[in-house]
Amino acid sequence: MSISAPRYASAPTERLGRTDRALAIVRQQFLNQSTGATWAVVALTYIAVILTDALYVLLASFVGQATSATFEFAYESPVLPFLLLIVATVVGAGCIAQDLGSRSIVLFLSRPIKTLDYLGAKMAATGSWILIATVGPGIVVVVIEAALGTVSASVALSAAFGFLATGLLATIFFTGLVVALSSLTTRPLYAGVATFGLVLSLYIGVGVVAGITGNSIVRYADPITNVRSVAQAAFGVSGAHPTDPVASAIILLVGGACLAALAAWRLSRVEVVAE
């Protein structure tokens, strides 16, 4: 009888590809952002928009003036734009800054993941929360008003399109903004303060300059004004818009893309290790 060392064998380990790893980052980031603070501000957005916009449309229906333009009240009032800013700040401030601070980003960016895969995953998770808070409440209002019979089906569909179109453009810009600022620091608090302070400063500063000089061109520098201008056009609000809606839409779209490019450049400067 011979004695020999046992032989152990295991199946070869299969590495996950780029797509699977990117989707894993999206899933993990979305869950990490699902905190009490996130749910609180998202719930506040839903409650505030539904109560104010639904009541406004309902009152307008009593005098026979409930149209798709009536639903734009959510953007015309300071409720939705500033709650959108708060949501973007809360969910996006730490999306990249936390990884930079803990140096876990060097593991994310190791092969076969690429910088654009990582950035796209972070933006997808962050943008999902912003889109939920931007489009969701408006769609709920449309469904409520349609169920109550205060507006026709055509008006409801037109209003839903307005919320979707405006929400998508706002999501693209604010996602790019918060991700770019988050990539520039290792402290989520700094990124959050920078996001909120920058947008609020532009809103106040541009309004003051435009009021003093009477020049409407400076209003293109204010993202909130651009969002409202797009909303007015999307909902069919009559009258002069503060800025040209098409130009405002382009600024939001291109601005979000440029800010994402800034984040990509910043991440390209991070030293990574091979897998």
Protein backbone atom coordinates (compact mmCIF):
# COMPACT_ATOMS: atom_id res chain seq x y z
CA MET A 1 0.00 0.00 0.00
CA SER A 2 1.45 3.33 -1.05
CA ILE A 3 0.84 6.63 0.60
CA SER A 4 0.72 9.70 -1.61
CA ALA A 5 -0.24 13.29 -1.06
CA PRO A 6 -3.85 14.08 -1.97
CA ARG A 7 -4.46 16.06 -5.10
CA TYR A 8 -6.84 18.95 -5.01
CA ALA A 9 -8.28 20.43 -8.13
CA SER A 10 -10.63 23.33 -8.71
CA ALA A 11 -12.20 24.84 -11.73
CA PRO A 12 -10.38 27.80 -13.21
CA THR A 13 -11.60 31.15 -11.97
CA GLU A 14 -13.47 33.08 -14.62
CA ARG A 15 -12.92 36.81 -14.56
CA LEU A 16 -15.87 39.10 -14.97
CA GLY A 17 -15.84 41.28 -18.05
CA ARG A 18 -16.07 45.06 -18.28
CA THR A 19 -19.85 45.12 -18.61
CA ASP A 20 -20.44 42.92 -15.58
CA ARG A 21 -18.05 44.96 -13.47
CA ALA A 22 -19.59 48.24 -14.56
CA LEU A 23 -23.08 46.95 -13.73
CA ALA A 24 -21.79 45.79 -10.35
CA ILE A 25 -20.52 49.32 -9.65
CA VAL A 26 -23.90 50.76 -10.66
CA ARG A 27 -25.73 48.40 -8.34
CA GLN A 28 -23.36 48.93 -5.42
CA GLN A 29 -23.30 52.72 -5.82
CA PHE A 30 -27.11 52.91 -6.02
CA LEU A 31 -27.37 50.86 -2.82
CA ASN A 32 -24.71 52.96 -1.08
CA GLN A 33 -26.66 56.10 -1.95
CA SER A 34 -29.85 54.56 -0.59
CA THR A 35 -29.43 56.14 2.83
CA GLY A 36 -31.88 57.74 5.22
CA ALA A 37 -30.88 61.21 4.04
CA THR A 38 -31.48 60.28 0.40
CA TRP A 39 -34.88 58.79 1.08
CA ALA A 40 -35.80 61.80 3.20
CA VAL A 41 -35.03 64.40 0.52
CA VAL A 42 -36.61 62.29 -2.23
CA ALA A 43 -39.75 61.81 -0.13
CA LEU A 44 -39.82 65.55 0.62
CA THR A 45 -39.60 66.25 -3.10
CA TYR A 46 -42.53 63.97 -3.84
CA ILE A 47 -44.67 65.40 -1.05
CA ALA A 48 -43.92 69.03 -1.88
CA VAL A 49 -44.39 68.71 -5.64
CA ILE A 50 -47.51 66.56 -5.43
CA LEU A 51 -49.21 68.81 -2.89
CA THR A 52 -48.39 72.11 -4.58
CA ASP A 53 -48.74 71.13 -8.24
CA ALA A 54 -51.78 68.89 -7.81
CA LEU A 55 -53.59 71.57 -5.80
CA TYR A 56 -52.71 74.26 -8.34
CA VAL A 57 -53.97 72.17 -11.27
CA LEU A 58 -57.11 71.26 -9.34
CA LEU A 59 -57.88 74.91 -8.60
CA ALA A 60 -57.24 75.82 -12.24
CA SER A 61 -59.69 73.14 -13.38
CA PHE A 62 -62.50 74.80 -11.42
CA VAL A 63 -62.29 77.86 -13.68
CA GLY A 64 -61.70 75.82 -16.81
CA GLN A 65 -58.04 76.75 -17.25
CA ALA A 66 -56.33 73.42 -16.55
CA THR A 67 -54.00 72.79 -19.48
CA SER A 68 -50.60 71.20 -19.86
CA ALA A 69 -49.09 74.63 -19.12
CA THR A 70 -50.71 74.53 -15.67
CA PHE A 71 -48.49 71.63 -14.65
CA GLU A 72 -45.39 73.80 -15.18
CA PHE A 73 -46.13 75.45 -11.82
CA ALA A 74 -43.83 72.87 -10.20
CA TYR A 75 -40.86 74.40 -12.02
CA GLU A 76 -42.06 78.00 -11.88
CA SER A 77 -42.23 77.87 -8.09
CA PRO A 78 -38.98 77.42 -6.15
CA VAL A 79 -40.10 73.99 -4.92
CA LEU A 80 -38.86 71.54 -7.54
CA PRO A 81 -35.69 73.33 -8.77
CA PHE A 82 -34.20 73.71 -5.30
CA LEU A 83 -35.29 70.30 -4.07
CA LEU A 84 -33.65 68.92 -7.20
CA LEU A 85 -30.45 70.72 -6.20
CA ILE A 86 -30.64 69.24 -2.70
CA VAL A 87 -31.19 65.72 -4.05
CA ALA A 88 -28.23 66.06 -6.43
CA THR A 89 -26.05 67.32 -3.59
CA VAL A 90 -27.01 64.54 -1.18
CA VAL A 91 -26.71 61.60 -3.56
CA GLY A 92 -23.77 62.75 -5.66
CA ALA A 93 -21.36 64.56 -3.37
CA GLY A 94 -19.58 61.39 -2.26
CA CYS A 95 -19.96 59.23 -5.37
CA ILE A 96 -16.31 59.64 -6.37
CA ALA A 97 -14.87 61.62 -3.45
CA GLN A 98 -15.33 58.67 -1.08
CA ASP A 99 -13.39 56.36 -3.38
CA LEU A 100 -10.63 58.94 -3.76
CA GLY A 101 -10.43 59.42 -0.02
CA SER A 102 -10.24 55.70 0.78
CA ARG A 103 -8.04 54.95 -2.25
CA SER A 104 -10.43 52.17 -3.21
CA ILE A 105 -10.60 53.79 -6.62
CA VAL A 106 -7.32 52.11 -7.58
CA LEU A 107 -9.08 48.76 -7.29
CA PHE A 108 -12.06 49.92 -9.36
CA LEU A 109 -9.83 51.23 -12.13
CA SER A 110 -7.66 48.10 -12.38
CA ARG A 111 -8.05 45.98 -15.48
CA PRO A 112 -10.31 45.09 -17.20
CA ILE A 113 -12.39 48.05 -16.01
CA LYS A 114 -11.73 51.36 -17.75
CA THR A 115 -12.03 54.93 -16.56
CA LEU A 116 -15.09 55.54 -18.71
CA ASP A 117 -16.71 52.34 -17.40
CA TYR A 118 -16.22 53.49 -13.82
CA LEU A 119 -17.38 57.04 -14.52
CA GLY A 120 -20.39 55.88 -16.52
CA ALA A 121 -21.42 53.54 -13.71
CA LYS A 122 -21.14 56.28 -11.11
CA MET A 123 -23.13 58.70 -13.27
CA ALA A 124 -25.78 56.07 -14.00
CA ALA A 125 -26.38 55.40 -10.30
CA THR A 126 -26.35 59.07 -9.34
CA GLY A 127 -28.47 60.10 -12.32
CA SER A 128 -31.04 57.43 -11.48
CA TRP A 129 -31.72 59.01 -8.10
CA ILE A 130 -31.92 62.51 -9.60
CA LEU A 131 -34.26 61.29 -12.35
CA ILE A 132 -36.49 59.56 -9.80
CA ALA A 133 -36.79 62.81 -7.83
CA THR A 134 -37.24 65.00 -10.92
CA VAL A 135 -39.63 63.07 -13.13
CA GLY A 136 -41.39 60.85 -10.62
CA PRO A 137 -43.40 63.47 -8.69
CA GLY A 138 -44.65 65.11 -11.87
CA ILE A 139 -45.81 61.80 -13.32
CA VAL A 140 -47.66 61.07 -10.07
CA VAL A 141 -49.41 64.45 -10.32
CA VAL A 142 -50.40 63.74 -13.92
CA VAL A 143 -51.81 60.33 -12.96
CA ILE A 144 -53.76 61.82 -10.05
CA GLU A 145 -55.29 64.59 -12.14
CA ALA A 146 -56.14 62.19 -14.97
CA ALA A 147 -57.77 59.78 -12.49
CA LEU A 148 -59.82 62.61 -10.99
CA GLY A 149 -60.91 63.66 -14.46
CA THR A 150 -59.70 67.25 -14.07
CA VAL A 151 -57.72 67.05 -17.33
CA SER A 152 -58.19 65.14 -20.56
CA ALA A 153 -55.98 62.28 -21.68
CA SER A 154 -54.27 64.45 -24.29
CA VAL A 155 -53.44 67.12 -21.69
CA ALA A 156 -52.14 64.46 -19.30
CA LEU A 157 -49.88 62.96 -21.98
CA SER A 158 -48.58 66.40 -22.94
CA ALA A 159 -47.81 67.21 -19.29
CA ALA A 160 -46.10 63.84 -18.81
CA PHE A 161 -43.90 64.58 -21.82
CA GLY A 162 -43.05 67.98 -20.33
CA PHE A 163 -41.92 66.43 -17.05
CA LEU A 164 -39.92 63.73 -18.85
CA ALA A 165 -38.17 66.09 -21.29
CA THR A 166 -37.32 68.70 -18.67
CA GLY A 167 -36.34 66.09 -16.11
CA LEU A 168 -33.95 64.32 -18.48
CA LEU A 169 -32.09 67.52 -19.37
CA ALA A 170 -31.94 68.63 -15.74
CA THR A 171 -30.68 65.19 -14.73
CA ILE A 172 -27.92 65.24 -17.35
CA PHE A 173 -26.62 68.63 -16.23
CA PHE A 174 -26.83 68.14 -12.47
CA THR A 175 -25.37 64.63 -12.68
CA GLY A 176 -22.39 65.95 -14.63
CA LEU A 177 -21.98 68.86 -12.22
CA VAL A 178 -22.03 66.87 -9.01
CA VAL A 179 -19.83 64.07 -10.39
CA ALA A 180 -17.27 66.59 -11.66
CA LEU A 181 -17.09 68.39 -8.32
CA SER A 182 -16.96 65.08 -6.46
CA SER A 183 -13.96 64.01 -8.55
CA LEU A 184 -11.99 67.11 -7.52
CA THR A 185 -11.85 66.39 -3.80
CA THR A 186 -11.51 63.55 -1.33
CA ARG A 187 -14.10 65.09 1.01
CA PRO A 188 -17.78 64.55 0.12
CA LEU A 189 -18.70 67.51 2.31
CA TYR A 190 -16.59 69.84 0.18
CA ALA A 191 -18.20 68.54 -3.01
CA GLY A 192 -21.67 68.98 -1.56
CA VAL A 193 -21.02 72.52 -0.38
CA ALA A 194 -19.45 73.40 -3.73
CA THR A 195 -22.43 72.03 -5.67
CA PHE A 196 -25.07 73.79 -3.61
CA GLY A 197 -23.08 77.00 -3.25
CA LEU A 198 -22.18 77.25 -6.94
CA VAL A 199 -25.72 76.80 -8.25
CA LEU A 200 -27.25 79.07 -5.63
CA SER A 201 -24.61 81.74 -6.21
CA LEU A 202 -25.22 81.66 -9.95
CA TYR A 203 -28.97 81.92 -9.43
CA ILE A 204 -28.69 84.96 -7.15
CA GLY A 205 -25.75 86.61 -8.90
CA VAL A 206 -27.14 86.24 -12.42
CA GLY A 207 -30.51 87.58 -11.28
CA VAL A 208 -28.88 90.66 -9.75
CA VAL A 209 -26.66 91.33 -12.78
CA ALA A 210 -29.55 90.82 -15.23
CA GLY A 211 -31.75 93.16 -13.19
CA ILE A 212 -29.12 95.90 -13.06
CA THR A 213 -27.90 95.71 -16.64
CA GLY A 214 -31.11 94.56 -18.29
CA ASN A 215 -29.05 92.07 -20.30
CA SER A 216 -30.80 88.70 -20.61
CA ILE A 217 -27.74 86.96 -22.07
CA VAL A 218 -26.20 86.54 -18.62
CA ARG A 219 -29.18 84.39 -17.62
CA TYR A 220 -27.73 81.54 -19.68
CA ALA A 221 -25.12 81.16 -16.94
CA ASP A 222 -27.82 80.17 -14.44
CA PRO A 223 -28.75 76.45 -14.66
CA ILE A 224 -32.04 76.96 -12.80
CA THR A 225 -33.15 79.60 -15.30
CA ASN A 226 -32.21 77.27 -18.15
CA VAL A 227 -34.23 74.43 -16.59
CA ARG A 228 -37.24 76.70 -16.15
CA SER A 229 -36.95 77.99 -19.71
CA VAL A 230 -36.93 74.43 -21.05
CA ALA A 231 -39.88 73.56 -18.82
CA GLN A 232 -41.92 76.51 -20.09
CA ALA A 233 -41.37 75.43 -23.69
CA ALA A 234 -41.97 71.74 -22.94
CA PHE A 235 -45.25 72.45 -21.15
CA GLY A 236 -46.38 74.97 -23.76
CA VAL A 237 -46.38 78.06 -21.54
CA SER A 238 -47.22 81.10 -23.64
CA GLY A 239 -45.32 84.36 -23.46
CA ALA A 240 -41.67 85.33 -23.60
CA HIS A 241 -39.19 82.98 -21.97
CA PRO A 242 -36.26 84.31 -19.91
CA THR A 243 -33.88 82.55 -22.32
CA ASP A 244 -34.28 80.79 -25.63
CA PRO A 245 -35.50 77.27 -24.74
CA VAL A 246 -33.48 75.58 -27.49
CA ALA A 247 -30.29 77.36 -26.42
CA SER A 248 -31.01 76.52 -22.78
CA ALA A 249 -31.51 72.86 -23.67
CA ILE A 250 -28.21 72.81 -25.56
CA ILE A 251 -26.42 74.47 -22.65
CA LEU A 252 -27.77 71.90 -20.19
CA LEU A 253 -26.87 69.00 -22.49
CA VAL A 254 -23.42 70.24 -23.53
CA GLY A 255 -22.69 71.53 -20.04
CA GLY A 256 -23.40 68.13 -18.52
CA ALA A 257 -21.19 66.44 -21.13
CA CYS A 258 -18.33 68.89 -20.54
CA LEU A 259 -18.55 68.41 -16.78
CA ALA A 260 -18.46 64.64 -17.27
CA ALA A 261 -15.39 65.10 -19.46
CA LEU A 262 -13.78 67.08 -16.64
CA ALA A 263 -14.44 64.21 -14.26
CA ALA A 264 -12.98 61.75 -16.79
CA TRP A 265 -9.83 63.87 -17.10
CA ARG A 266 -9.49 63.98 -13.32
CA LEU A 267 -9.86 60.20 -13.06
CA SER A 268 -7.29 59.69 -15.81
CA ARG A 269 -4.73 61.26 -13.46
CA VAL A 270 -5.28 58.57 -10.83
CA GLU A 271 -2.53 55.95 -10.67
CA VAL A 272 -3.95 52.44 -10.86
CA VAL A 273 -2.57 48.97 -10.26
CA ALA A 274 -2.85 45.98 -12.53
CA GLU A 275 -5.26 43.23 -11.59
